[in-house]
């Protein structure tokens, strides 16, 4: 029997994707206020969602005012062949500022993209009109981007590379670790260069469900706010839609399925994950499959690249390539 898959992804509560806590609004205002003391902006984004989730409000208020560089991080999680398609799509995207684009892996000190960022930033700054910054001997670069795209990791790897110093800012595997615009962090002596870490800022309103779910799948939302089983359901939908059935063996299934409950039940059984639930009838504890644990396992597999090197915006890239 042929696999019947959904043609459209739906979520029961769209409000789950409108996550714009107070620190994001505060952070945006802080970034705008500090802009006069900034020479260049480095925008960091997740290369698995190169077109989805970029904050256009920040583009207009920040990137249009200063020289900028786009860093597409986590390049190890997409194929090498995909990168030129991503670059082409970004170059042709409406209202996209003209900026150098580098693919990076902040876990790799020898990454070629990492090596190019500071030299290019210096070049852009020296060839720009600095206005009120004209007399400043040091350079200040602001790092911006959506939550959990690797901004703090980029700062730390640049600091280690150019100053041989240990981590200066905290990183984490969940969204929302950096909560405010921090003090300047020195990353280079000659010339003196300082970086400003900033909180990850999302658009106040995610424009469609699929964009929101892609952001959630790449950890730009905190999992518990959207629901791990909801995010796992989108992952299953996306894999089936793209005829990627690598999850079948991983989740202990005999064949592909479009039913997330069936998928998670099988995964929980394979993992031996159960949870005790108290019966309201006789007050006894009964062991049931732990679907949340299975969902977490499924999501980690995607985020670690165990399901393959996947660009979630591949449909947008193909659409652009065919034009």
C-alpha atoms as a PDB file:
ATOM      1  CA  UNK A   1       0.000   0.000   0.000  1.00  0.00           C
ATOM      2  CA  UNK A   2       1.387   3.403  -1.047  1.00  0.00           C
ATOM      3  CA  UNK A   3       2.141   5.845   1.742  1.00  0.00           C
ATOM      4  CA  UNK A   4      -0.565   8.480   2.042  1.00  0.00           C
ATOM      5  CA  UNK A   5       0.973  11.723   3.297  1.00  0.00           C
ATOM      6  CA  UNK A   6      -0.466  15.092   4.241  1.00  0.00           C
ATOM      7  CA  UNK A   7      -0.298  17.760   1.575  1.00  0.00           C
ATOM      8  CA  UNK A   8      -0.271  20.550   4.144  1.00  0.00           C
ATOM      9  CA  UNK A   9       0.966  20.747   7.711  1.00  0.00           C
ATOM     10  CA  UNK A  10      -1.462  22.009  10.322  1.00  0.00           C
ATOM     11  CA  UNK A  11      -1.055  22.764  14.010  1.00  0.00           C
ATOM     12  CA  UNK A  12      -3.960  23.007  16.413  1.00  0.00           C
ATOM     13  CA  UNK A  13      -2.800  26.288  17.986  1.00  0.00           C
ATOM     14  CA  UNK A  14      -0.974  28.867  15.829  1.00  0.00           C
ATOM     15  CA  UNK A  15      -0.334  31.003  18.896  1.00  0.00           C
ATOM     16  CA  UNK A  16       2.355  28.493  19.885  1.00  0.00           C
ATOM     17  CA  UNK A  17       4.561  30.059  17.212  1.00  0.00           C
ATOM     18  CA  UNK A  18       4.192  33.660  18.400  1.00  0.00           C
ATOM     19  CA  UNK A  19       7.043  33.605  20.863  1.00  0.00           C
ATOM     20  CA  UNK A  20       8.344  37.130  21.382  1.00  0.00           C
ATOM     21  CA  UNK A  21       9.234  37.499  25.084  1.00  0.00           C
ATOM     22  CA  UNK A  22      10.065  40.821  26.678  1.00  0.00           C
ATOM     23  CA  UNK A  23      13.820  40.411  26.437  1.00  0.00           C
ATOM     24  CA  UNK A  24      13.569  40.307  22.627  1.00  0.00           C
ATOM     25  CA  UNK A  25      11.762  43.651  22.411  1.00  0.00           C
ATOM     26  CA  UNK A  26      14.226  45.115  24.908  1.00  0.00           C
ATOM     27  CA  UNK A  27      17.170  43.648  22.992  1.00  0.00           C
ATOM     28  CA  UNK A  28      15.974  45.146  19.692  1.00  0.00           C
ATOM     29  CA  UNK A  29      15.808  48.621  21.258  1.00  0.00           C
ATOM     30  CA  UNK A  30      19.261  48.171  22.787  1.00  0.00           C
ATOM     31  CA  UNK A  31      20.713  47.175  19.404  1.00  0.00           C
ATOM     32  CA  UNK A  32      19.217  50.254  17.739  1.00  0.00           C
ATOM     33  CA  UNK A  33      20.534  52.500  20.514  1.00  0.00           C
ATOM     34  CA  UNK A  34      24.071  51.096  20.228  1.00  0.00           C
ATOM     35  CA  UNK A  35      24.142  51.307  16.436  1.00  0.00           C
ATOM     36  CA  UNK A  36      25.871  54.707  16.423  1.00  0.00           C
ATOM     37  CA  UNK A  37      28.880  53.100  18.132  1.00  0.00           C
ATOM     38  CA  UNK A  38      29.065  50.171  15.685  1.00  0.00           C
ATOM     39  CA  UNK A  39      31.188  49.992  12.525  1.00  0.00           C
ATOM     40  CA  UNK A  40      29.988  46.715  11.006  1.00  0.00           C
ATOM     41  CA  UNK A  41      27.274  44.121  11.560  1.00  0.00           C
ATOM     42  CA  UNK A  42      27.665  40.368  11.271  1.00  0.00           C
ATOM     43  CA  UNK A  43      24.349  38.555  10.915  1.00  0.00           C
ATOM     44  CA  UNK A  44      24.472  34.878  11.864  1.00  0.00           C
ATOM     45  CA  UNK A  45      21.828  32.478  10.592  1.00  0.00           C
ATOM     46  CA  UNK A  46      21.327  28.710  10.474  1.00  0.00           C
ATOM     47  CA  UNK A  47      22.149  27.426   6.977  1.00  0.00           C
ATOM     48  CA  UNK A  48      19.437  24.745   7.284  1.00  0.00           C
ATOM     49  CA  UNK A  49      16.878  27.589   7.075  1.00  0.00           C
ATOM     50  CA  UNK A  50      18.722  30.218   4.979  1.00  0.00           C
ATOM     51  CA  UNK A  51      15.546  31.947   3.807  1.00  0.00           C
ATOM     52  CA  UNK A  52      13.095  31.101   6.593  1.00  0.00           C
ATOM     53  CA  UNK A  53      13.047  33.051   9.805  1.00  0.00           C
ATOM     54  CA  UNK A  54      15.451  35.882   9.018  1.00  0.00           C
ATOM     55  CA  UNK A  55      14.199  38.951  10.855  1.00  0.00           C
ATOM     56  CA  UNK A  56      13.374  41.532   8.170  1.00  0.00           C
ATOM     57  CA  UNK A  57      12.685  44.215  10.761  1.00  0.00           C
ATOM     58  CA  UNK A  58      16.317  43.975  11.844  1.00  0.00           C
ATOM     59  CA  UNK A  59      17.412  44.112   8.195  1.00  0.00           C
ATOM     60  CA  UNK A  60      15.710  47.432   7.640  1.00  0.00           C
ATOM     61  CA  UNK A  61      16.697  49.065  10.933  1.00  0.00           C
ATOM     62  CA  UNK A  62      20.270  47.752  11.247  1.00  0.00           C
ATOM     63  CA  UNK A  63      21.702  46.240   8.068  1.00  0.00           C
ATOM     64  CA  UNK A  64      20.725  49.195   5.902  1.00  0.00           C
ATOM     65  CA  UNK A  65      22.685  51.550   8.172  1.00  0.00           C
ATOM     66  CA  UNK A  66      26.054  49.792   8.393  1.00  0.00           C
ATOM     67  CA  UNK A  67      28.324  47.507   6.324  1.00  0.00           C
ATOM     68  CA  UNK A  68      27.321  43.906   6.974  1.00  0.00           C
ATOM     69  CA  UNK A  69      28.337  40.276   6.531  1.00  0.00           C
ATOM     70  CA  UNK A  70      26.012  37.255   6.485  1.00  0.00           C
ATOM     71  CA  UNK A  71      27.360  34.155   8.228  1.00  0.00           C
ATOM     72  CA  UNK A  72      25.467  30.925   7.554  1.00  0.00           C
ATOM     73  CA  UNK A  73      26.462  28.706  10.441  1.00  0.00           C
ATOM     74  CA  UNK A  74      26.238  24.925  10.929  1.00  0.00           C
ATOM     75  CA  UNK A  75      27.408  24.256   7.376  1.00  0.00           C
ATOM     76  CA  UNK A  76      28.249  20.679   8.366  1.00  0.00           C
ATOM     77  CA  UNK A  77      24.483  20.012   8.517  1.00  0.00           C
ATOM     78  CA  UNK A  78      23.829  20.773   4.820  1.00  0.00           C
ATOM     79  CA  UNK A  79      25.481  19.260   1.752  1.00  0.00           C
ATOM     80  CA  UNK A  80      28.335  21.019  -0.027  1.00  0.00           C
ATOM     81  CA  UNK A  81      26.265  20.947  -3.228  1.00  0.00           C
ATOM     82  CA  UNK A  82      23.461  22.902  -1.552  1.00  0.00           C
ATOM     83  CA  UNK A  83      25.605  25.896  -0.611  1.00  0.00           C
ATOM     84  CA  UNK A  84      25.836  27.517  -4.096  1.00  0.00           C
ATOM     85  CA  UNK A  85      22.040  27.197  -4.414  1.00  0.00           C
ATOM     86  CA  UNK A  86      21.623  28.928  -1.054  1.00  0.00           C
ATOM     87  CA  UNK A  87      23.947  31.753  -2.081  1.00  0.00           C
ATOM     88  CA  UNK A  88      22.134  32.229  -5.404  1.00  0.00           C
ATOM     89  CA  UNK A  89      18.723  32.276  -3.702  1.00  0.00           C
ATOM     90  CA  UNK A  90      19.899  34.843  -1.143  1.00  0.00           C
ATOM     91  CA  UNK A  91      21.404  37.064  -3.847  1.00  0.00           C
ATOM     92  CA  UNK A  92      18.085  37.104  -5.685  1.00  0.00           C
ATOM     93  CA  UNK A  93      15.846  37.385  -2.615  1.00  0.00           C
ATOM     94  CA  UNK A  94      13.695  40.585  -2.560  1.00  0.00           C
ATOM     95  CA  UNK A  95      15.078  43.435  -0.415  1.00  0.00           C
ATOM     96  CA  UNK A  96      18.140  41.400   0.561  1.00  0.00           C
ATOM     97  CA  UNK A  97      21.088  43.704   1.316  1.00  0.00           C
ATOM     98  CA  UNK A  98      24.216  43.200  -0.767  1.00  0.00           C
ATOM     99  CA  UNK A  99      26.653  41.570   1.640  1.00  0.00           C
ATOM    100  CA  UNK A 100      29.442  38.975   1.669  1.00  0.00           C
ATOM    101  CA  UNK A 101      28.171  35.481   2.546  1.00  0.00           C
ATOM    102  CA  UNK A 102      30.267  32.920   4.413  1.00  0.00           C
ATOM    103  CA  UNK A 103      29.397  29.361   5.432  1.00  0.00           C
ATOM    104  CA  UNK A 104      30.837  28.386   8.800  1.00  0.00           C
ATOM    105  CA  UNK A 105      31.075  25.651  11.395  1.00  0.00           C
ATOM    106  CA  UNK A 106      31.832  27.334  14.724  1.00  0.00           C
ATOM    107  CA  UNK A 107      32.880  23.990  16.200  1.00  0.00           C
ATOM    108  CA  UNK A 108      35.815  23.847  13.782  1.00  0.00           C
ATOM    109  CA  UNK A 109      38.739  26.177  14.517  1.00  0.00           C
ATOM    110  CA  UNK A 110      40.137  25.475  11.039  1.00  0.00           C
ATOM    111  CA  UNK A 111      36.898  26.393   9.215  1.00  0.00           C
ATOM    112  CA  UNK A 112      37.735  28.443   6.094  1.00  0.00           C
ATOM    113  CA  UNK A 113      34.670  30.642   6.574  1.00  0.00           C
ATOM    114  CA  UNK A 114      35.716  31.575  10.113  1.00  0.00           C
ATOM    115  CA  UNK A 115      39.127  32.700   8.810  1.00  0.00           C
ATOM    116  CA  UNK A 116      37.556  35.169   6.344  1.00  0.00           C
ATOM    117  CA  UNK A 117      35.152  37.057   8.632  1.00  0.00           C
ATOM    118  CA  UNK A 118      37.472  39.483  10.453  1.00  0.00           C
ATOM    119  CA  UNK A 119      39.644  40.383   7.407  1.00  0.00           C
ATOM    120  CA  UNK A 120      36.481  41.091   5.399  1.00  0.00           C
ATOM    121  CA  UNK A 121      34.973  43.143   8.260  1.00  0.00           C
ATOM    122  CA  UNK A 122      38.149  45.262   8.450  1.00  0.00           C
ATOM    123  CA  UNK A 123      38.033  45.802   4.687  1.00  0.00           C
ATOM    124  CA  UNK A 124      34.370  46.859   4.786  1.00  0.00           C
ATOM    125  CA  UNK A 125      34.943  49.226   7.711  1.00  0.00           C
ATOM    126  CA  UNK A 126      37.996  50.878   6.156  1.00  0.00           C
ATOM    127  CA  UNK A 127      36.120  51.421   2.882  1.00  0.00           C
ATOM    128  CA  UNK A 128      32.996  52.848   4.534  1.00  0.00           C
ATOM    129  CA  UNK A 129      31.919  56.284   5.724  1.00  0.00           C
ATOM    130  CA  UNK A 130      32.242  56.005   9.514  1.00  0.00           C
ATOM    131  CA  UNK A 131      30.683  59.436  10.250  1.00  0.00           C
ATOM    132  CA  UNK A 132      30.685  59.828  14.061  1.00  0.00           C
ATOM    133  CA  UNK A 133      33.086  56.865  14.308  1.00  0.00           C
ATOM    134  CA  UNK A 134      35.697  58.489  12.072  1.00  0.00           C
ATOM    135  CA  UNK A 135      38.103  59.276  14.926  1.00  0.00           C
ATOM    136  CA  UNK A 136      37.728  55.928  16.691  1.00  0.00           C
ATOM    137  CA  UNK A 137      40.888  53.810  16.468  1.00  0.00           C
ATOM    138  CA  UNK A 138      39.177  50.561  17.399  1.00  0.00           C
ATOM    139  CA  UNK A 139      36.533  48.721  15.388  1.00  0.00           C
ATOM    140  CA  UNK A 140      33.247  47.536  16.914  1.00  0.00           C
ATOM    141  CA  UNK A 141      31.243  44.754  15.278  1.00  0.00           C
ATOM    142  CA  UNK A 142      27.717  43.828  16.348  1.00  0.00           C
ATOM    143  CA  UNK A 143      26.654  40.184  16.074  1.00  0.00           C
ATOM    144  CA  UNK A 144      22.931  39.699  15.388  1.00  0.00           C
ATOM    145  CA  UNK A 145      20.617  36.814  14.447  1.00  0.00           C
ATOM    146  CA  UNK A 146      17.724  34.613  15.496  1.00  0.00           C
ATOM    147  CA  UNK A 147      18.007  32.547  18.715  1.00  0.00           C
ATOM    148  CA  UNK A 148      20.388  29.578  18.845  1.00  0.00           C
ATOM    149  CA  UNK A 149      22.008  30.168  15.457  1.00  0.00           C
ATOM    150  CA  UNK A 150      25.532  30.294  16.887  1.00  0.00           C
ATOM    151  CA  UNK A 151      26.204  33.976  17.644  1.00  0.00           C
ATOM    152  CA  UNK A 152      27.924  33.378  20.987  1.00  0.00           C
ATOM    153  CA  UNK A 153      29.808  30.382  19.564  1.00  0.00           C
ATOM    154  CA  UNK A 154      31.079  32.584  16.719  1.00  0.00           C
ATOM    155  CA  UNK A 155      32.322  35.211  19.168  1.00  0.00           C
ATOM    156  CA  UNK A 156      34.130  32.568  21.201  1.00  0.00           C
ATOM    157  CA  UNK A 157      35.799  30.927  18.210  1.00  0.00           C
ATOM    158  CA  UNK A 158      36.927  34.314  16.838  1.00  0.00           C
ATOM    159  CA  UNK A 159      38.282  35.319  20.245  1.00  0.00           C
ATOM    160  CA  UNK A 160      40.170  32.053  20.510  1.00  0.00           C
ATOM    161  CA  UNK A 161      41.511  32.355  16.963  1.00  0.00           C
ATOM    162  CA  UNK A 162      42.695  35.979  17.133  1.00  0.00           C
ATOM    163  CA  UNK A 163      43.570  36.358  20.822  1.00  0.00           C
ATOM    164  CA  UNK A 164      44.078  32.743  21.887  1.00  0.00           C
ATOM    165  CA  UNK A 165      41.589  33.385  24.710  1.00  0.00           C
ATOM    166  CA  UNK A 166      38.974  31.091  26.206  1.00  0.00           C
ATOM    167  CA  UNK A 167      35.219  31.562  25.873  1.00  0.00           C
ATOM    168  CA  UNK A 168      34.003  35.057  26.741  1.00  0.00           C
ATOM    169  CA  UNK A 169      30.270  34.511  26.424  1.00  0.00           C
ATOM    170  CA  UNK A 170      27.895  31.735  27.422  1.00  0.00           C
ATOM    171  CA  UNK A 171      26.486  29.346  24.836  1.00  0.00           C
ATOM    172  CA  UNK A 172      23.701  26.779  25.049  1.00  0.00           C
ATOM    173  CA  UNK A 173      21.747  24.260  22.992  1.00  0.00           C
ATOM    174  CA  UNK A 174      18.426  26.017  23.615  1.00  0.00           C
ATOM    175  CA  UNK A 175      17.088  29.364  22.462  1.00  0.00           C
ATOM    176  CA  UNK A 176      17.325  32.424  24.674  1.00  0.00           C
ATOM    177  CA  UNK A 177      20.695  31.992  26.451  1.00  0.00           C
ATOM    178  CA  UNK A 178      21.845  35.562  25.703  1.00  0.00           C
ATOM    179  CA  UNK A 179      19.217  37.905  27.160  1.00  0.00           C
ATOM    180  CA  UNK A 180      20.652  41.391  26.589  1.00  0.00           C
ATOM    181  CA  UNK A 181      23.253  43.329  24.614  1.00  0.00           C
ATOM    182  CA  UNK A 182      26.459  42.612  26.510  1.00  0.00           C
ATOM    183  CA  UNK A 183      29.525  44.779  27.026  1.00  0.00           C
ATOM    184  CA  UNK A 184      32.138  44.837  24.305  1.00  0.00           C
ATOM    185  CA  UNK A 185      34.300  41.721  24.000  1.00  0.00           C
ATOM    186  CA  UNK A 186      37.814  42.206  22.622  1.00  0.00           C
ATOM    187  CA  UNK A 187      38.718  39.647  19.967  1.00  0.00           C
ATOM    188  CA  UNK A 188      41.696  41.238  18.210  1.00  0.00           C
ATOM    189  CA  UNK A 189      44.668  43.467  19.178  1.00  0.00           C
ATOM    190  CA  UNK A 190      45.963  44.778  15.837  1.00  0.00           C
ATOM    191  CA  UNK A 191      43.743  46.448  14.900  1.00  0.00           C
ATOM    192  CA  UNK A 192      41.738  46.522  18.113  1.00  0.00           C
ATOM    193  CA  UNK A 193      38.405  44.862  17.402  1.00  0.00           C
ATOM    194  CA  UNK A 194      35.496  44.452  19.802  1.00  0.00           C
ATOM    195  CA  UNK A 195      32.376  42.368  19.291  1.00  0.00           C
ATOM    196  CA  UNK A 196      28.941  42.952  20.772  1.00  0.00           C
ATOM    197  CA  UNK A 197      26.906  39.829  21.516  1.00  0.00           C
ATOM    198  CA  UNK A 198      23.139  40.347  21.298  1.00  0.00           C
ATOM    199  CA  UNK A 199      20.038  38.315  22.189  1.00  0.00           C
ATOM    200  CA  UNK A 200      18.468  36.235  19.455  1.00  0.00           C
ATOM    201  CA  UNK A 201      15.479  38.135  18.104  1.00  0.00           C
ATOM    202  CA  UNK A 202      12.600  36.623  16.155  1.00  0.00           C
ATOM    203  CA  UNK A 203       9.928  38.413  14.171  1.00  0.00           C
ATOM    204  CA  UNK A 204       7.025  39.412  16.472  1.00  0.00           C
ATOM    205  CA  UNK A 205       4.711  37.479  14.143  1.00  0.00           C
ATOM    206  CA  UNK A 206       5.874  34.404  12.251  1.00  0.00           C
ATOM    207  CA  UNK A 207       4.145  34.750   8.887  1.00  0.00           C
ATOM    208  CA  UNK A 208       3.205  31.107   8.272  1.00  0.00           C
ATOM    209  CA  UNK A 209       3.030  27.778  10.070  1.00  0.00           C
ATOM    210  CA  UNK A 210       5.775  26.067   8.084  1.00  0.00           C
ATOM    211  CA  UNK A 211       8.262  28.869   8.705  1.00  0.00           C
ATOM    212  CA  UNK A 212       7.458  28.704  12.414  1.00  0.00           C
ATOM    213  CA  UNK A 213       7.886  24.946  12.532  1.00  0.00           C
ATOM    214  CA  UNK A 214      11.222  25.153  10.692  1.00  0.00           C
ATOM    215  CA  UNK A 215      12.397  27.663  13.296  1.00  0.00           C
ATOM    216  CA  UNK A 216      11.208  25.344  16.061  1.00  0.00           C
ATOM    217  CA  UNK A 217      12.902  22.341  14.455  1.00  0.00           C
ATOM    218  CA  UNK A 218      16.201  24.256  14.387  1.00  0.00           C
ATOM    219  CA  UNK A 219      15.793  25.192  18.099  1.00  0.00           C
ATOM    220  CA  UNK A 220      15.038  28.878  17.486  1.00  0.00           C
ATOM    221  CA  UNK A 221      12.066  28.435  19.827  1.00  0.00           C
ATOM    222  CA  UNK A 222      12.358  26.640  23.133  1.00  0.00           C
ATOM    223  CA  UNK A 223      10.951  23.139  22.594  1.00  0.00           C
ATOM    224  CA  UNK A 224       8.532  23.188  25.507  1.00  0.00           C
ATOM    225  CA  UNK A 225       6.815  26.330  24.182  1.00  0.00           C
ATOM    226  CA  UNK A 226       5.816  24.619  20.933  1.00  0.00           C
ATOM    227  CA  UNK A 227       5.731  21.041  22.207  1.00  0.00           C
ATOM    228  CA  UNK A 228       8.258  18.370  21.294  1.00  0.00           C
ATOM    229  CA  UNK A 229       5.593  16.101  19.840  1.00  0.00           C
ATOM    230  CA  UNK A 230       4.314  18.953  17.625  1.00  0.00           C
ATOM    231  CA  UNK A 231       7.837  19.641  16.357  1.00  0.00           C
ATOM    232  CA  UNK A 232       8.453  15.915  15.818  1.00  0.00           C
ATOM    233  CA  UNK A 233       5.208  15.756  13.825  1.00  0.00           C
ATOM    234  CA  UNK A 234       6.483  18.502  11.509  1.00  0.00           C
ATOM    235  CA  UNK A 235       9.794  16.675  11.108  1.00  0.00           C
ATOM    236  CA  UNK A 236       7.930  13.514  10.102  1.00  0.00           C
ATOM    237  CA  UNK A 237       5.781  15.510   7.655  1.00  0.00           C
ATOM    238  CA  UNK A 238       8.868  17.187   6.098  1.00  0.00           C
ATOM    239  CA  UNK A 239      10.794  13.926   5.737  1.00  0.00           C
ATOM    240  CA  UNK A 240       7.872  12.162   4.068  1.00  0.00           C
ATOM    241  CA  UNK A 241       7.231  15.124   1.786  1.00  0.00           C
ATOM    242  CA  UNK A 242      10.869  14.973   0.677  1.00  0.00           C
ATOM    243  CA  UNK A 243      10.847  11.170   0.345  1.00  0.00           C
ATOM    244  CA  UNK A 244      13.430  10.801   3.076  1.00  0.00           C
ATOM    245  CA  UNK A 245      12.645   7.618   4.984  1.00  0.00           C
ATOM    246  CA  UNK A 246      15.827   7.432   7.041  1.00  0.00           C
ATOM    247  CA  UNK A 247      13.661   7.631  10.162  1.00  0.00           C
ATOM    248  CA  UNK A 248      12.050   4.232   9.575  1.00  0.00           C
ATOM    249  CA  UNK A 249      14.856   2.089  10.994  1.00  0.00           C
ATOM    250  CA  UNK A 250      15.833   4.736  13.547  1.00  0.00           C
ATOM    251  CA  UNK A 251      12.338   4.781  15.051  1.00  0.00           C
ATOM    252  CA  UNK A 252      11.913   1.001  14.917  1.00  0.00           C
ATOM    253  CA  UNK A 253       9.256   1.052  12.198  1.00  0.00           C
ATOM    254  CA  UNK A 254       8.721  -1.602   9.540  1.00  0.00           C
ATOM    255  CA  UNK A 255       7.671   0.950   6.909  1.00  0.00           C
ATOM    256  CA  UNK A 256       7.152   4.720   6.509  1.00  0.00           C
ATOM    257  CA  UNK A 257       4.186   6.299   8.249  1.00  0.00           C
ATOM    258  CA  UNK A 258       2.452   9.680   8.329  1.00  0.00           C
ATOM    259  CA  UNK A 259       1.107   9.046  11.832  1.00  0.00           C
ATOM    260  CA  UNK A 260       3.324  10.703  14.460  1.00  0.00           C
ATOM    261  CA  UNK A 261       1.707   8.765  17.312  1.00  0.00           C
ATOM    262  CA  UNK A 262       2.518   5.454  15.628  1.00  0.00           C
ATOM    263  CA  UNK A 263       6.062   6.679  14.932  1.00  0.00           C
ATOM    264  CA  UNK A 264       6.659   7.752  18.540  1.00  0.00           C
ATOM    265  CA  UNK A 265       5.085   4.608  19.988  1.00  0.00           C
ATOM    266  CA  UNK A 266       7.471   2.518  17.908  1.00  0.00           C
ATOM    267  CA  UNK A 267      10.404   4.729  18.870  1.00  0.00           C
ATOM    268  CA  UNK A 268       9.599   4.536  22.583  1.00  0.00           C
ATOM    269  CA  UNK A 269       9.355   0.743  22.347  1.00  0.00           C
ATOM    270  CA  UNK A 270      12.706   0.489  20.563  1.00  0.00           C
ATOM    271  CA  UNK A 271      14.364   2.766  23.129  1.00  0.00           C
ATOM    272  CA  UNK A 272      12.705   1.023  26.066  1.00  0.00           C
ATOM    273  CA  UNK A 273      11.334   4.372  27.265  1.00  0.00           C
ATOM    274  CA  UNK A 274       8.264   4.197  29.493  1.00  0.00           C
ATOM    275  CA  UNK A 275       6.494   6.468  31.933  1.00  0.00           C
ATOM    276  CA  UNK A 276       4.365   5.489  34.919  1.00  0.00           C
ATOM    277  CA  UNK A 277       0.765   6.710  34.788  1.00  0.00           C
ATOM    278  CA  UNK A 278      -1.589   6.382  37.729  1.00  0.00           C
ATOM    279  CA  UNK A 279      -4.967   4.782  37.032  1.00  0.00           C
ATOM    280  CA  UNK A 280      -7.980   6.782  38.214  1.00  0.00           C
ATOM    281  CA  UNK A 281      -9.922   3.522  38.566  1.00  0.00           C
ATOM    282  CA  UNK A 282      -7.805   1.560  41.059  1.00  0.00           C
ATOM    283  CA  UNK A 283      -4.929   4.002  41.788  1.00  0.00           C
ATOM    284  CA  UNK A 284      -2.308   1.609  40.409  1.00  0.00           C
ATOM    285  CA  UNK A 285       0.725   2.704  38.347  1.00  0.00           C
ATOM    286  CA  UNK A 286       0.781   1.468  34.779  1.00  0.00           C
ATOM    287  CA  UNK A 287       3.821   1.763  32.517  1.00  0.00           C
ATOM    288  CA  UNK A 288       3.046   3.429  29.176  1.00  0.00           C
ATOM    289  CA  UNK A 289       5.348   4.249  26.237  1.00  0.00           C
ATOM    290  CA  UNK A 290       7.073   7.609  26.817  1.00  0.00           C
ATOM    291  CA  UNK A 291       6.148   9.532  23.671  1.00  0.00           C
ATOM    292  CA  UNK A 292       7.893  12.700  24.828  1.00  0.00           C
ATOM    293  CA  UNK A 293      11.195  10.839  25.226  1.00  0.00           C
ATOM    294  CA  UNK A 294      10.782   9.352  21.750  1.00  0.00           C
ATOM    295  CA  UNK A 295      10.022  12.808  20.321  1.00  0.00           C
ATOM    296  CA  UNK A 296      13.181  14.216  21.960  1.00  0.00           C
ATOM    297  CA  UNK A 297      15.223  11.362  20.474  1.00  0.00           C
ATOM    298  CA  UNK A 298      13.749  12.008  17.008  1.00  0.00           C
ATOM    299  CA  UNK A 299      14.507  15.745  17.201  1.00  0.00           C
ATOM    300  CA  UNK A 300      18.066  15.187  18.425  1.00  0.00           C
ATOM    301  CA  UNK A 301      18.665  12.879  15.477  1.00  0.00           C
ATOM    302  CA  UNK A 302      17.742  15.683  13.069  1.00  0.00           C
ATOM    303  CA  UNK A 303      19.689  18.346  14.964  1.00  0.00           C
ATOM    304  CA  UNK A 304      22.814  16.190  15.104  1.00  0.00           C
ATOM    305  CA  UNK A 305      22.662  15.357  11.400  1.00  0.00           C
ATOM    306  CA  UNK A 306      21.856  11.683  11.950  1.00  0.00           C
ATOM    307  CA  UNK A 307      18.965  11.903   9.466  1.00  0.00           C
ATOM    308  CA  UNK A 308      21.250  13.365   6.808  1.00  0.00           C
ATOM    309  CA  UNK A 309      22.459  16.828   5.771  1.00  0.00           C
ATOM    310  CA  UNK A 310      19.128  18.542   5.278  1.00  0.00           C
ATOM    311  CA  UNK A 311      18.235  22.061   4.150  1.00  0.00           C
ATOM    312  CA  UNK A 312      14.643  22.680   5.268  1.00  0.00           C
ATOM    313  CA  UNK A 313      14.251  25.454   2.665  1.00  0.00           C
ATOM    314  CA  UNK A 314      15.064  23.117  -0.221  1.00  0.00           C
ATOM    315  CA  UNK A 315      11.665  23.783  -1.853  1.00  0.00           C
ATOM    316  CA  UNK A 316      12.439  27.516  -1.937  1.00  0.00           C
ATOM    317  CA  UNK A 317      15.878  26.829  -3.404  1.00  0.00           C
ATOM    318  CA  UNK A 318      14.417  24.613  -6.144  1.00  0.00           C
ATOM    319  CA  UNK A 319      11.824  27.260  -6.962  1.00  0.00           C
ATOM    320  CA  UNK A 320      14.584  29.830  -7.289  1.00  0.00           C
ATOM    321  CA  UNK A 321      16.777  27.517  -9.396  1.00  0.00           C
ATOM    322  CA  UNK A 322      13.979  26.896 -11.906  1.00  0.00           C
ATOM    323  CA  UNK A 323      13.442  30.608 -12.584  1.00  0.00           C
END
